[in-house]
Every structure is written in C-alpha cells, then in structure tokens.
Amino acid sequence: MEAFETLSGKAVPLDIINVDTDQIIPKQFLKKIDRAGFGVHLFHDWRYLDDSGTKQNPEFVLNFQRFQGSEILLTRENFGCGSSREHAPWALHDYGFRCIIAPSFADIFYNNCRKNGILAVVLRDDEIQALFEEVEANEGCLLTVDLPRQNVTTPEGKKFSFEIDSFAKNCLLKGLDDIGWTLQFEEKIQSYEQQARSEKPWLFISN
C-alpha cells in the first residue's frame, strides 16, 4: 500500500448528502475479488446515461473537464453509508482518489478507507462549505492535505485542522494495511509459535 504523507491535488466537489456504497459501486459490478478495475464503474448510475457505461452524463460533476484528474473528493455528510462492501474504497482508489473530505463518514467505510490507503478527513460543516465555495469558484484549485500536521490548506490561505487517531495515522504514513501492520511483528510471532510448539506440542498435532 502506498504511504500517504502530503498531497497537493485537484479537488472535485460532490454536493450530495448520504452517498451510499451502492451508489459508489453498484452491486452488479461486485464480481471480482482483486482491487483493480473498479474505478471505471465508480458512481456508475450518476456518471453514465446507459447501463453499459458508454455514454457519459454531461451534468455529473466527475465528468466535467475542469475536474479531470482530481485526487481529492470533497463531499457532504454521512458519506459511505449503506452496506459495508470494501469495493467502495477500492473503486475510489482505482479511480485516482487519495483523500476524501466530508463532515462525517459511515464508520465501516471510514475504516475501510484507511485499510486501502485513502485518507478520510472530517471537517466541520462550515469548513466544508468554505472549501466548496473556493473549489467551485477557482478552476484548477489545488488543496494541500498534510497528514503529519493534520491540516488542509487552500490556495487562498485558509487552513483547517482535522483529527485522526494515532493508529490510523501511523498506518497511512507507513503505507500499512492490517496485514502489513501485523507483519511488522513477524519475528515475535515466529518466536511465540516456536515457544508454544515446545511447551504445548499437542496443539500442533494435525490429523
């Protein structure tokens, strides 16, 4: 997993509340178990006018030319609600998003973002509104998200601080998912297993 430290990138404003995981990645696309290839189906029902995904909806913000190549998703409260499918952050990451900024997230989605290298930033409603206004008023507006310092800065000099628990911050800074974090203790795990085999060999007898 790629480490996250500081990101300076274009932001796209998705002005919709209660975006659920079925809108992020509809159920008909949940047919793979690897993480690649879901980005093309991100927000499928909003991005496209047809089921096959060949006709873009010109009125959906992700299809606006000015927001192409965005790495930051700016959105509204309760983002990622609904089912717990991990395919939702897979699709967002595969599309190119490294950071999502919102007033609130569904708990499971928030944790799944961290596990997949996406920084989910929670700011107050008025701070989110200020970001929306600046991003929408200035084409090519680049936001800077600084994880070590835990702040978001705009080109106009506005700076907003955010909270994040130390475990999630450490994992993102080091590029560790849950498996990667566990493997940091591989030597201790092996040492424990060797000691357990010596002290309790009956636990390791296979049929």
N, C-alpha and C. Protein backbone atom coordinates (compact mmCIF):
# COMPACT_ATOMS: atom_id res chain seq x y z
N MET A 1 0.84 -1.19 0.00
CA MET A 1 0.00 0.00 0.00
C MET A 1 0.88 1.24 0.00
N GLU A 2 0.53 2.23 -0.82
CA GLU A 2 1.32 3.45 -0.93
C GLU A 2 1.16 4.31 0.32
N ALA A 3 2.27 4.80 0.82
CA ALA A 3 2.23 5.66 2.01
C ALA A 3 1.59 7.00 1.67
N PHE A 4 0.93 7.58 2.65
CA PHE A 4 0.31 8.89 2.48
C PHE A 4 0.97 9.87 3.45
N GLU A 5 1.54 10.93 2.93
CA GLU A 5 2.12 11.98 3.78
C GLU A 5 1.46 13.32 3.46
N THR A 6 1.87 13.93 2.34
CA THR A 6 1.29 15.21 1.93
C THR A 6 0.81 15.09 0.49
N LEU A 7 -0.40 15.56 0.25
CA LEU A 7 -0.98 15.52 -1.09
C LEU A 7 -1.43 16.91 -1.49
N SER A 8 -0.95 17.38 -2.62
CA SER A 8 -1.42 18.63 -3.21
C SER A 8 -2.09 18.26 -4.52
N GLY A 9 -3.41 18.36 -4.55
CA GLY A 9 -4.13 17.88 -5.71
C GLY A 9 -5.42 18.62 -5.98
N LYS A 10 -5.92 18.39 -7.17
CA LYS A 10 -7.19 18.98 -7.58
C LYS A 10 -8.33 18.29 -6.82
N ALA A 11 -9.33 19.08 -6.43
CA ALA A 11 -10.47 18.53 -5.71
C ALA A 11 -11.73 18.64 -6.56
N VAL A 12 -12.58 17.62 -6.49
CA VAL A 12 -13.87 17.66 -7.18
C VAL A 12 -14.97 17.73 -6.13
N PRO A 13 -15.91 18.70 -6.25
CA PRO A 13 -16.96 18.87 -5.26
C PRO A 13 -18.21 18.05 -5.59
N LEU A 14 -18.49 17.04 -4.79
CA LEU A 14 -19.68 16.21 -4.96
C LEU A 14 -20.70 16.66 -3.91
N ASP A 15 -21.62 17.51 -4.31
CA ASP A 15 -22.53 18.18 -3.38
C ASP A 15 -23.79 17.33 -3.15
N ILE A 16 -23.59 16.17 -2.54
CA ILE A 16 -24.69 15.23 -2.28
C ILE A 16 -24.51 14.65 -0.88
N ILE A 17 -25.58 14.61 -0.10
CA ILE A 17 -25.52 14.01 1.23
C ILE A 17 -25.87 12.53 1.16
N ASN A 18 -25.46 11.78 2.17
CA ASN A 18 -25.85 10.37 2.33
C ASN A 18 -25.53 9.52 1.10
N VAL A 19 -24.35 9.71 0.54
CA VAL A 19 -23.93 8.88 -0.60
C VAL A 19 -23.62 7.49 -0.08
N ASP A 20 -24.39 6.49 -0.53
CA ASP A 20 -24.20 5.14 -0.01
C ASP A 20 -23.27 4.33 -0.90
N THR A 21 -22.85 3.19 -0.39
CA THR A 21 -21.86 2.38 -1.10
C THR A 21 -22.43 1.78 -2.39
N ASP A 22 -23.75 1.65 -2.50
CA ASP A 22 -24.33 1.14 -3.74
C ASP A 22 -24.28 2.18 -4.84
N GLN A 23 -24.24 3.46 -4.48
CA GLN A 23 -24.02 4.49 -5.48
C GLN A 23 -22.54 4.61 -5.83
N ILE A 24 -21.70 4.39 -4.83
CA ILE A 24 -20.25 4.45 -5.09
C ILE A 24 -19.85 3.35 -6.06
N ILE A 25 -20.28 2.11 -5.80
CA ILE A 25 -20.01 0.99 -6.70
C ILE A 25 -21.21 0.05 -6.68
N PRO A 26 -22.08 0.13 -7.69
CA PRO A 26 -23.31 -0.68 -7.71
C PRO A 26 -23.03 -2.17 -7.64
N LYS A 27 -24.00 -2.89 -7.11
CA LYS A 27 -23.84 -4.32 -6.79
C LYS A 27 -23.51 -5.18 -8.00
N GLN A 28 -23.96 -4.80 -9.20
CA GLN A 28 -23.73 -5.65 -10.37
C GLN A 28 -22.25 -5.73 -10.76
N PHE A 29 -21.43 -4.87 -10.17
CA PHE A 29 -20.00 -4.88 -10.51
C PHE A 29 -19.14 -5.57 -9.46
N LEU A 30 -19.77 -6.18 -8.47
CA LEU A 30 -19.02 -6.82 -7.39
C LEU A 30 -18.71 -8.28 -7.72
N LYS A 31 -18.07 -8.49 -8.84
CA LYS A 31 -17.84 -9.85 -9.32
C LYS A 31 -16.37 -10.25 -9.27
N LYS A 32 -15.52 -9.37 -8.78
CA LYS A 32 -14.09 -9.67 -8.71
C LYS A 32 -13.63 -9.56 -7.26
N ILE A 33 -12.54 -10.25 -6.96
CA ILE A 33 -12.01 -10.21 -5.60
C ILE A 33 -10.69 -9.45 -5.53
N ASP A 34 -10.09 -9.12 -6.69
CA ASP A 34 -8.90 -8.26 -6.65
C ASP A 34 -9.37 -6.81 -6.71
N ARG A 35 -8.48 -5.88 -6.36
CA ARG A 35 -8.87 -4.49 -6.16
C ARG A 35 -8.83 -3.64 -7.42
N ALA A 36 -8.27 -4.16 -8.50
CA ALA A 36 -8.09 -3.36 -9.71
C ALA A 36 -9.32 -3.41 -10.60
N GLY A 37 -9.54 -2.33 -11.34
CA GLY A 37 -10.56 -2.32 -12.38
C GLY A 37 -11.92 -1.82 -11.96
N PHE A 38 -12.07 -1.36 -10.72
CA PHE A 38 -13.37 -0.89 -10.27
C PHE A 38 -13.59 0.60 -10.55
N GLY A 39 -12.51 1.35 -10.82
CA GLY A 39 -12.64 2.78 -11.00
C GLY A 39 -13.56 3.18 -12.13
N VAL A 40 -13.59 2.40 -13.19
CA VAL A 40 -14.44 2.72 -14.34
C VAL A 40 -15.92 2.66 -13.98
N HIS A 41 -16.25 1.92 -12.92
CA HIS A 41 -17.65 1.77 -12.50
C HIS A 41 -18.02 2.69 -11.34
N LEU A 42 -17.08 3.52 -10.88
CA LEU A 42 -17.34 4.42 -9.76
C LEU A 42 -18.51 5.34 -10.09
N PHE A 43 -19.49 5.44 -9.18
CA PHE A 43 -20.68 6.29 -9.37
C PHE A 43 -21.35 6.01 -10.72
N HIS A 44 -21.39 4.74 -11.10
CA HIS A 44 -21.85 4.35 -12.43
C HIS A 44 -23.20 4.96 -12.80
N ASP A 45 -24.17 4.88 -11.89
CA ASP A 45 -25.52 5.33 -12.22
C ASP A 45 -25.61 6.84 -12.38
N TRP A 46 -24.64 7.57 -11.84
CA TRP A 46 -24.61 9.02 -11.99
C TRP A 46 -23.71 9.45 -13.14
N ARG A 47 -22.64 8.69 -13.39
CA ARG A 47 -21.66 9.08 -14.41
C ARG A 47 -22.13 8.78 -15.83
N TYR A 48 -23.01 7.77 -15.96
CA TYR A 48 -23.38 7.31 -17.30
C TYR A 48 -24.89 7.38 -17.52
N LEU A 49 -25.26 7.52 -18.79
CA LEU A 49 -26.66 7.57 -19.17
C LEU A 49 -27.18 6.21 -19.62
N ASP A 50 -26.28 5.23 -19.76
CA ASP A 50 -26.68 3.90 -20.20
C ASP A 50 -26.09 2.86 -19.26
N ASP A 51 -26.66 1.67 -19.25
CA ASP A 51 -26.22 0.59 -18.37
C ASP A 51 -24.81 0.11 -18.70
N SER A 52 -24.42 0.20 -19.96
CA SER A 52 -23.11 -0.33 -20.37
C SER A 52 -21.97 0.63 -20.06
N GLY A 53 -22.29 1.86 -19.66
CA GLY A 53 -21.25 2.82 -19.30
C GLY A 53 -20.50 3.39 -20.49
N THR A 54 -21.18 3.59 -21.61
CA THR A 54 -20.53 4.14 -22.80
C THR A 54 -20.92 5.59 -23.07
N LYS A 55 -22.01 6.05 -22.44
CA LYS A 55 -22.48 7.42 -22.64
C LYS A 55 -22.38 8.20 -21.34
N GLN A 56 -21.45 9.12 -21.27
CA GLN A 56 -21.27 9.90 -20.05
C GLN A 56 -22.41 10.90 -19.85
N ASN A 57 -22.75 11.09 -18.58
CA ASN A 57 -23.74 12.09 -18.21
C ASN A 57 -23.03 13.45 -18.12
N PRO A 58 -23.29 14.37 -19.02
CA PRO A 58 -22.55 15.64 -19.03
C PRO A 58 -22.88 16.53 -17.83
N GLU A 59 -23.93 16.20 -17.08
CA GLU A 59 -24.33 17.02 -15.95
C GLU A 59 -23.75 16.53 -14.63
N PHE A 60 -23.04 15.39 -14.65
CA PHE A 60 -22.45 14.88 -13.41
C PHE A 60 -21.04 15.44 -13.25
N VAL A 61 -20.76 15.91 -12.04
CA VAL A 61 -19.55 16.71 -11.79
C VAL A 61 -18.25 15.97 -12.13
N LEU A 62 -18.19 14.66 -11.93
CA LEU A 62 -16.95 13.94 -12.24
C LEU A 62 -16.64 13.93 -13.73
N ASN A 63 -17.65 14.23 -14.56
CA ASN A 63 -17.43 14.26 -16.00
C ASN A 63 -17.06 15.65 -16.52
N PHE A 64 -17.07 16.67 -15.64
CA PHE A 64 -16.68 18.00 -16.08
C PHE A 64 -15.18 18.01 -16.41
N GLN A 65 -14.83 18.64 -17.50
CA GLN A 65 -13.44 18.66 -17.92
C GLN A 65 -12.53 19.29 -16.86
N ARG A 66 -13.01 20.31 -16.17
CA ARG A 66 -12.18 21.02 -15.20
C ARG A 66 -11.80 20.18 -13.99
N PHE A 67 -12.54 19.09 -13.76
CA PHE A 67 -12.26 18.25 -12.60
C PHE A 67 -11.58 16.92 -12.96
N GLN A 68 -11.19 16.77 -14.22
CA GLN A 68 -10.49 15.54 -14.59
C GLN A 68 -9.13 15.47 -13.89
N GLY A 69 -8.78 14.29 -13.44
CA GLY A 69 -7.51 14.10 -12.75
C GLY A 69 -7.54 14.48 -11.28
N SER A 70 -8.72 14.68 -10.73
CA SER A 70 -8.83 15.04 -9.31
C SER A 70 -8.40 13.87 -8.43
N GLU A 71 -7.69 14.21 -7.35
CA GLU A 71 -7.24 13.21 -6.39
C GLU A 71 -7.92 13.36 -5.03
N ILE A 72 -8.68 14.45 -4.88
CA ILE A 72 -9.37 14.72 -3.63
C ILE A 72 -10.87 14.82 -3.90
N LEU A 73 -11.67 14.09 -3.15
CA LEU A 73 -13.12 14.15 -3.28
C LEU A 73 -13.67 14.96 -2.12
N LEU A 74 -14.34 16.04 -2.43
CA LEU A 74 -14.97 16.91 -1.44
C LEU A 74 -16.46 16.65 -1.46
N THR A 75 -17.02 16.27 -0.32
CA THR A 75 -18.42 15.87 -0.34
C THR A 75 -19.12 16.23 0.97
N ARG A 76 -20.35 15.74 1.14
CA ARG A 76 -21.18 16.13 2.26
C ARG A 76 -21.31 15.00 3.29
N GLU A 77 -22.20 15.21 4.27
CA GLU A 77 -22.25 14.33 5.44
C GLU A 77 -22.71 12.91 5.13
N ASN A 78 -22.27 12.01 6.02
CA ASN A 78 -22.65 10.59 6.01
C ASN A 78 -22.21 9.89 4.73
N PHE A 79 -21.05 10.23 4.24
CA PHE A 79 -20.53 9.60 3.02
C PHE A 79 -20.16 8.15 3.31
N GLY A 80 -20.52 7.25 2.39
CA GLY A 80 -20.17 5.84 2.54
C GLY A 80 -21.13 5.04 3.39
N CYS A 81 -22.35 5.54 3.57
CA CYS A 81 -23.34 4.79 4.35
C CYS A 81 -23.84 3.59 3.54
N GLY A 82 -24.69 2.78 4.14
CA GLY A 82 -25.20 1.60 3.45
C GLY A 82 -24.41 0.36 3.78
N SER A 83 -24.26 -0.53 2.81
CA SER A 83 -23.58 -1.80 3.05
C SER A 83 -22.10 -1.59 3.32
N SER A 84 -21.47 -2.61 3.88
CA SER A 84 -20.07 -2.49 4.29
C SER A 84 -19.08 -2.89 3.21
N ARG A 85 -19.52 -3.02 1.97
CA ARG A 85 -18.65 -3.53 0.90
C ARG A 85 -17.34 -2.76 0.79
N GLU A 86 -16.23 -3.50 0.85
CA GLU A 86 -14.91 -2.88 0.73
C GLU A 86 -14.62 -2.45 -0.70
N HIS A 87 -15.46 -2.90 -1.64
CA HIS A 87 -15.28 -2.50 -3.03
C HIS A 87 -15.45 -1.00 -3.21
N ALA A 88 -16.14 -0.33 -2.27
CA ALA A 88 -16.36 1.12 -2.40
C ALA A 88 -15.03 1.88 -2.35
N PRO A 89 -14.20 1.71 -1.32
CA PRO A 89 -12.89 2.37 -1.36
C PRO A 89 -11.99 1.83 -2.47
N TRP A 90 -12.15 0.56 -2.84
CA TRP A 90 -11.39 0.04 -3.98
C TRP A 90 -11.67 0.87 -5.22
N ALA A 91 -12.97 1.13 -5.48
CA ALA A 91 -13.36 1.88 -6.68
C ALA A 91 -12.85 3.31 -6.62
N LEU A 92 -12.96 3.94 -5.46
CA LEU A 92 -12.48 5.31 -5.30
C LEU A 92 -10.98 5.41 -5.52
N HIS A 93 -10.24 4.47 -4.94
CA HIS A 93 -8.78 4.48 -5.09
C HIS A 93 -8.38 4.16 -6.53
N ASP A 94 -9.05 3.22 -7.15
CA ASP A 94 -8.73 2.84 -8.53
C ASP A 94 -9.01 3.99 -9.48
N TYR A 95 -10.01 4.80 -9.17
CA TYR A 95 -10.32 5.98 -9.99
C TYR A 95 -9.22 7.02 -9.88
N GLY A 96 -8.58 7.09 -8.70
CA GLY A 96 -7.49 8.04 -8.51
C GLY A 96 -7.59 8.89 -7.26
N PHE A 97 -8.62 8.66 -6.44
CA PHE A 97 -8.77 9.45 -5.22
C PHE A 97 -7.86 8.93 -4.12
N ARG A 98 -7.11 9.86 -3.50
CA ARG A 98 -6.25 9.52 -2.37
C ARG A 98 -6.79 10.07 -1.06
N CYS A 99 -7.74 11.02 -1.16
CA CYS A 99 -8.26 11.67 0.03
C CYS A 99 -9.73 12.03 -0.20
N ILE A 100 -10.54 11.87 0.85
CA ILE A 100 -11.95 12.28 0.82
C ILE A 100 -12.16 13.20 2.01
N ILE A 101 -12.79 14.34 1.76
CA ILE A 101 -13.05 15.32 2.81
C ILE A 101 -14.55 15.50 2.95
N ALA A 102 -15.06 15.31 4.16
CA ALA A 102 -16.50 15.39 4.40
C ALA A 102 -16.77 15.73 5.86
N PRO A 103 -18.01 16.15 6.20
CA PRO A 103 -18.33 16.42 7.60
C PRO A 103 -18.45 15.15 8.43
N SER A 104 -18.81 14.03 7.78
CA SER A 104 -18.93 12.77 8.51
C SER A 104 -18.92 11.61 7.53
N PHE A 105 -18.53 10.43 8.05
CA PHE A 105 -18.47 9.21 7.25
C PHE A 105 -19.18 8.09 8.01
N ALA A 106 -19.68 7.12 7.27
CA ALA A 106 -20.14 5.88 7.91
C ALA A 106 -18.92 5.18 8.51
N ASP A 107 -19.07 4.60 9.69
CA ASP A 107 -17.92 4.07 10.44
C ASP A 107 -17.16 3.00 9.67
N ILE A 108 -17.86 2.01 9.13
CA ILE A 108 -17.17 0.91 8.43
C ILE A 108 -16.46 1.43 7.19
N PHE A 109 -17.12 2.30 6.45
CA PHE A 109 -16.48 2.88 5.26
C PHE A 109 -15.23 3.65 5.65
N TYR A 110 -15.31 4.42 6.72
CA TYR A 110 -14.16 5.22 7.18
C TYR A 110 -12.96 4.31 7.46
N ASN A 111 -13.20 3.20 8.16
CA ASN A 111 -12.11 2.27 8.47
C ASN A 111 -11.60 1.56 7.23
N ASN A 112 -12.50 1.24 6.29
CA ASN A 112 -12.08 0.60 5.06
C ASN A 112 -11.20 1.52 4.21
N CYS A 113 -11.45 2.82 4.29
CA CYS A 113 -10.59 3.78 3.57
C CYS A 113 -9.16 3.68 4.07
N ARG A 114 -9.00 3.71 5.38
CA ARG A 114 -7.67 3.61 5.97
C ARG A 114 -6.96 2.34 5.54
N LYS A 115 -7.68 1.23 5.49
CA LYS A 115 -7.09 -0.05 5.13
C LYS A 115 -6.67 -0.11 3.67
N ASN A 116 -7.18 0.83 2.86
CA ASN A 116 -6.88 0.83 1.44
C ASN A 116 -6.12 2.07 0.98
N GLY A 117 -5.50 2.77 1.94
CA GLY A 117 -4.62 3.87 1.60
C GLY A 117 -5.29 5.17 1.26
N ILE A 118 -6.57 5.33 1.63
CA ILE A 118 -7.29 6.57 1.40
C ILE A 118 -7.43 7.31 2.74
N LEU A 119 -7.05 8.58 2.76
CA LEU A 119 -7.20 9.38 3.96
C LEU A 119 -8.59 10.01 3.95
N ALA A 120 -9.40 9.68 4.96
CA ALA A 120 -10.73 10.27 5.12
C ALA A 120 -10.62 11.38 6.16
N VAL A 121 -10.88 12.61 5.74
CA VAL A 121 -10.73 13.79 6.59
C VAL A 121 -12.10 14.31 7.00
N VAL A 122 -12.29 14.49 8.30
CA VAL A 122 -13.54 15.04 8.82
C VAL A 122 -13.32 16.50 9.23
N LEU A 123 -14.12 17.39 8.62
CA LEU A 123 -14.10 18.81 8.96
C LEU A 123 -15.51 19.26 9.32
N ARG A 124 -15.62 20.41 9.96
CA ARG A 124 -16.93 20.95 10.32
C ARG A 124 -17.70 21.36 9.06
N ASP A 125 -19.02 21.46 9.20
CA ASP A 125 -19.87 21.83 8.06
C ASP A 125 -19.46 23.18 7.46
N ASP A 126 -19.16 24.16 8.30
CA ASP A 126 -18.81 25.47 7.78
C ASP A 126 -17.46 25.45 7.06
N GLU A 127 -16.55 24.58 7.52
CA GLU A 127 -15.26 24.44 6.85
C GLU A 127 -15.43 23.76 5.50
N ILE A 128 -16.28 22.74 5.46
CA ILE A 128 -16.58 22.07 4.20
C ILE A 128 -17.20 23.05 3.21
N GLN A 129 -18.12 23.88 3.70
CA GLN A 129 -18.76 24.87 2.83
C GLN A 129 -17.75 25.85 2.27
N ALA A 130 -16.80 26.28 3.09
CA ALA A 130 -15.76 27.20 2.62
C ALA A 130 -14.91 26.55 1.52
N LEU A 131 -14.62 25.26 1.69
CA LEU A 131 -13.86 24.54 0.66
C LEU A 131 -14.67 24.42 -0.63
N PHE A 132 -15.95 24.10 -0.51
CA PHE A 132 -16.80 24.02 -1.70
C PHE A 132 -16.78 25.34 -2.47
N GLU A 133 -16.94 26.43 -1.76
CA GLU A 133 -17.01 27.73 -2.41
C GLU A 133 -15.71 28.08 -3.11
N GLU A 134 -14.58 27.77 -2.48
CA GLU A 134 -13.30 28.11 -3.10
C GLU A 134 -13.00 27.21 -4.29
N VAL A 135 -13.29 25.93 -4.16
CA VAL A 135 -13.03 24.99 -5.26
C VAL A 135 -13.91 25.30 -6.47
N GLU A 136 -15.18 25.60 -6.21
CA GLU A 136 -16.10 25.87 -7.32
C GLU A 136 -15.81 27.20 -8.00
N ALA A 137 -15.27 28.16 -7.25
CA ALA A 137 -15.02 29.50 -7.81
C ALA A 137 -13.69 29.59 -8.56
N ASN A 138 -12.81 28.64 -8.34
CA ASN A 138 -11.46 28.73 -8.91
C ASN A 138 -11.10 27.46 -9.67
N GLU A 139 -11.17 27.52 -10.97
CA GLU A 139 -10.83 26.34 -11.78
C GLU A 139 -9.36 25.97 -11.58
N GLY A 140 -9.11 24.67 -11.40
CA GLY A 140 -7.75 24.21 -11.16
C GLY A 140 -7.29 24.38 -9.73
N CYS A 141 -8.23 24.69 -8.83
CA CYS A 141 -7.91 24.91 -7.41
C CYS A 141 -7.27 23.65 -6.81
N LEU A 142 -6.10 23.82 -6.22
CA LEU A 142 -5.38 22.71 -5.60
C LEU A 142 -5.45 22.83 -4.09
N LEU A 143 -5.93 21.78 -3.45
CA LEU A 143 -5.92 21.72 -2.00
C LEU A 143 -4.69 20.93 -1.56
N THR A 144 -4.12 21.31 -0.44
CA THR A 144 -2.99 20.58 0.12
C THR A 144 -3.41 19.92 1.42
N VAL A 145 -3.27 18.60 1.46
CA VAL A 145 -3.63 17.83 2.65
C VAL A 145 -2.35 17.31 3.27
N ASP A 146 -2.08 17.74 4.49
CA ASP A 146 -0.84 17.41 5.19
C ASP A 146 -1.19 16.49 6.36
N LEU A 147 -0.91 15.20 6.19
CA LEU A 147 -1.24 14.25 7.25
C LEU A 147 -0.36 14.41 8.48
N PRO A 148 0.97 14.56 8.36
CA PRO A 148 1.78 14.74 9.57
C PRO A 148 1.31 15.92 10.43
N ARG A 149 0.94 17.03 9.77
CA ARG A 149 0.50 18.22 10.51
C ARG A 149 -1.02 18.24 10.72
N GLN A 150 -1.71 17.34 10.06
CA GLN A 150 -3.17 17.18 10.20
C GLN A 150 -3.91 18.46 9.85
N ASN A 151 -3.66 18.96 8.63
CA ASN A 151 -4.40 20.14 8.19
C ASN A 151 -4.62 20.11 6.69
N VAL A 152 -5.61 20.90 6.27
CA VAL A 152 -5.94 21.09 4.86
C VAL A 152 -5.78 22.57 4.56
N THR A 153 -5.02 22.90 3.51
CA THR A 153 -4.75 24.29 3.16
C THR A 153 -5.24 24.58 1.75
N THR A 154 -5.80 25.78 1.55
CA THR A 154 -6.30 26.19 0.24
C THR A 154 -5.36 27.22 -0.38
N PRO A 155 -5.48 27.46 -1.69
CA PRO A 155 -4.65 28.47 -2.33
C PRO A 155 -4.85 29.87 -1.75
N GLU A 156 -6.04 30.15 -1.23
CA GLU A 156 -6.32 31.46 -0.65
C GLU A 156 -5.78 31.60 0.77
N GLY A 157 -5.15 30.54 1.29
CA GLY A 157 -4.52 30.61 2.60
C GLY A 157 -5.37 30.13 3.75
N LYS A 158 -6.56 29.62 3.47
CA LYS A 158 -7.37 29.05 4.55
C LYS A 158 -6.73 27.74 5.00
N LYS A 159 -6.73 27.51 6.30
CA LYS A 159 -6.15 26.28 6.84
C LYS A 159 -7.12 25.68 7.86
N PHE A 160 -7.41 24.40 7.67
CA PHE A 160 -8.35 23.71 8.55
C PHE A 160 -7.67 22.47 9.15
N SER A 161 -7.75 22.33 10.45
CA SER A 161 -7.15 21.19 11.14
C SER A 161 -8.15 20.06 11.28
N PHE A 162 -7.64 18.83 11.25
CA PHE A 162 -8.51 17.67 11.43
C PHE A 162 -7.90 16.70 12.43
N GLU A 163 -8.75 15.89 13.02
CA GLU A 163 -8.31 14.88 13.97
C GLU A 163 -8.23 13.52 13.29
N ILE A 164 -7.33 12.69 13.75
CA ILE A 164 -7.22 11.30 13.29
C ILE A 164 -6.56 10.50 14.38
N ASP A 165 -7.04 9.28 14.62
CA ASP A 165 -6.44 8.51 15.70
C ASP A 165 -5.03 8.07 15.31
N SER A 166 -4.21 7.87 16.32
CA SER A 166 -2.78 7.63 16.10
C SER A 166 -2.51 6.35 15.31
N PHE A 167 -3.33 5.32 15.53
CA PHE A 167 -3.11 4.07 14.80
C PHE A 167 -3.34 4.26 13.31
N ALA A 168 -4.47 4.88 12.95
CA ALA A 168 -4.78 5.12 11.53
C ALA A 168 -3.72 6.01 10.89
N LYS A 169 -3.30 7.03 11.61
CA LYS A 169 -2.28 7.95 11.08
C LYS A 169 -0.98 7.21 10.83
N ASN A 170 -0.56 6.40 11.77
CA ASN A 170 0.69 5.65 11.63
C ASN A 170 0.64 4.70 10.45
N CYS A 171 -0.49 4.01 10.30
CA CYS A 171 -0.63 3.05 9.18
C CYS A 171 -0.57 3.77 7.84
N LEU A 172 -1.25 4.91 7.72
CA LEU A 172 -1.25 5.64 6.46
C LEU A 172 0.13 6.21 6.15
N LEU A 173 0.79 6.75 7.16
CA LEU A 173 2.13 7.31 6.94
C LEU A 173 3.13 6.25 6.50
N LYS A 174 2.97 5.04 7.01
CA LYS A 174 3.90 3.96 6.67
C LYS A 174 3.41 3.09 5.51
N GLY A 175 2.20 3.35 5.02
CA GLY A 175 1.67 2.56 3.92
C GLY A 175 1.35 1.14 4.33
N LEU A 176 0.76 0.97 5.51
CA LEU A 176 0.48 -0.37 6.04
C LEU A 176 -1.01 -0.63 6.12
N ASP A 177 -1.46 -1.72 5.48
CA ASP A 177 -2.81 -2.20 5.74
C ASP A 177 -2.73 -3.12 6.95
N ASP A 178 -3.84 -3.80 7.30
CA ASP A 178 -3.84 -4.61 8.52
C ASP A 178 -2.82 -5.74 8.45
N ILE A 179 -2.68 -6.34 7.26
CA ILE A 179 -1.71 -7.43 7.11
C ILE A 179 -0.29 -6.87 7.24
N GLY A 180 -0.04 -5.75 6.58
CA GLY A 180 1.28 -5.14 6.67
C GLY A 180 1.64 -4.75 8.09
N TRP A 181 0.66 -4.24 8.83
CA TRP A 181 0.92 -3.86 10.22
C TRP A 181 1.28 -5.10 11.04
N THR A 182 0.55 -6.20 10.82
CA THR A 182 0.82 -7.43 11.55
C THR A 182 2.20 -7.98 11.24
N LEU A 183 2.61 -7.89 9.97
CA LEU A 183 3.89 -8.44 9.56
C LEU A 183 5.08 -7.70 10.16
N GLN A 184 4.85 -6.52 10.73
CA GLN A 184 5.93 -5.84 11.46
C GLN A 184 6.42 -6.68 12.64
N PHE A 185 5.54 -7.54 13.14
CA PHE A 185 5.84 -8.34 14.32
C PHE A 185 6.11 -9.80 13.97
N GLU A 186 6.53 -10.03 12.72
CA GLU A 186 6.72 -11.39 12.23
C GLU A 186 7.71 -12.17 13.09
N GLU A 187 8.81 -11.54 13.48
CA GLU A 187 9.81 -12.24 14.28
C GLU A 187 9.24 -12.62 15.64
N LYS A 188 8.48 -11.73 16.26
CA LYS A 188 7.87 -12.03 17.55
C LYS A 188 6.82 -13.13 17.43
N ILE A 189 6.08 -13.10 16.32
CA ILE A 189 5.07 -14.14 16.10
C ILE A 189 5.74 -15.50 15.95
N GLN A 190 6.82 -15.55 15.16
CA GLN A 190 7.54 -16.81 14.96
C GLN A 190 8.15 -17.29 16.27
N SER A 191 8.68 -16.38 17.06
CA SER A 191 9.27 -16.75 18.35
C SER A 191 8.21 -17.33 19.28
N TYR A 192 7.03 -16.70 19.29
CA TYR A 192 5.93 -17.20 20.12
C TYR A 192 5.50 -18.60 19.67
N GLU A 193 5.39 -18.79 18.35
CA GLU A 193 4.97 -20.09 17.83
C GLU A 193 5.97 -21.18 18.18
N GLN A 194 7.27 -20.86 18.08
CA GLN A 194 8.30 -21.84 18.42
C GLN A 194 8.22 -22.21 19.90
N GLN A 195 8.01 -21.21 20.75
CA GLN A 195 7.91 -21.47 22.18
C GLN A 195 6.66 -22.30 22.49
N ALA A 196 5.56 -21.97 21.79
CA ALA A 196 4.32 -22.71 22.02
C ALA A 196 4.46 -24.16 21.57
N ARG A 197 5.15 -24.39 20.45
CA ARG A 197 5.36 -25.76 19.98
C ARG A 197 6.16 -26.57 20.99
N SER A 198 7.11 -25.88 21.63
CA SER A 198 7.94 -26.56 22.62
C SER A 198 7.17 -26.85 23.90
N GLU A 199 6.36 -25.90 24.34
CA GLU A 199 5.66 -26.04 25.62
C GLU A 199 4.34 -26.78 25.49
N LYS A 200 3.68 -26.69 24.35
CA LYS A 200 2.36 -27.31 24.15
C LYS A 200 2.29 -27.99 22.80
N PRO A 201 3.11 -29.02 22.60
CA PRO A 201 3.19 -29.65 21.28
C PRO A 201 1.87 -30.25 20.80
N TRP A 202 0.99 -30.63 21.74
CA TRP A 202 -0.27 -31.26 21.35
C TRP A 202 -1.19 -30.29 20.57
N LEU A 203 -0.95 -28.99 20.69
CA LEU A 203 -1.76 -28.04 19.96
C LEU A 203 -1.44 -28.04 18.47
N PHE A 204 -0.31 -28.60 18.11
CA PHE A 204 0.13 -28.53 16.72
C PHE A 204 0.08 -29.89 16.02
N ILE A 205 -0.58 -30.87 16.63
CA ILE A 205 -0.72 -32.18 16.02
C ILE A 205 -1.84 -32.13 14.99
N SER A 206 -1.52 -32.47 13.77
CA SER A 206 -2.53 -32.47 12.70
C SER A 206 -3.09 -33.87 12.53
N ASN A 207 -4.34 -33.92 12.12
CA ASN A 207 -5.00 -35.23 11.91
C ASN A 207 -4.53 -35.86 10.61
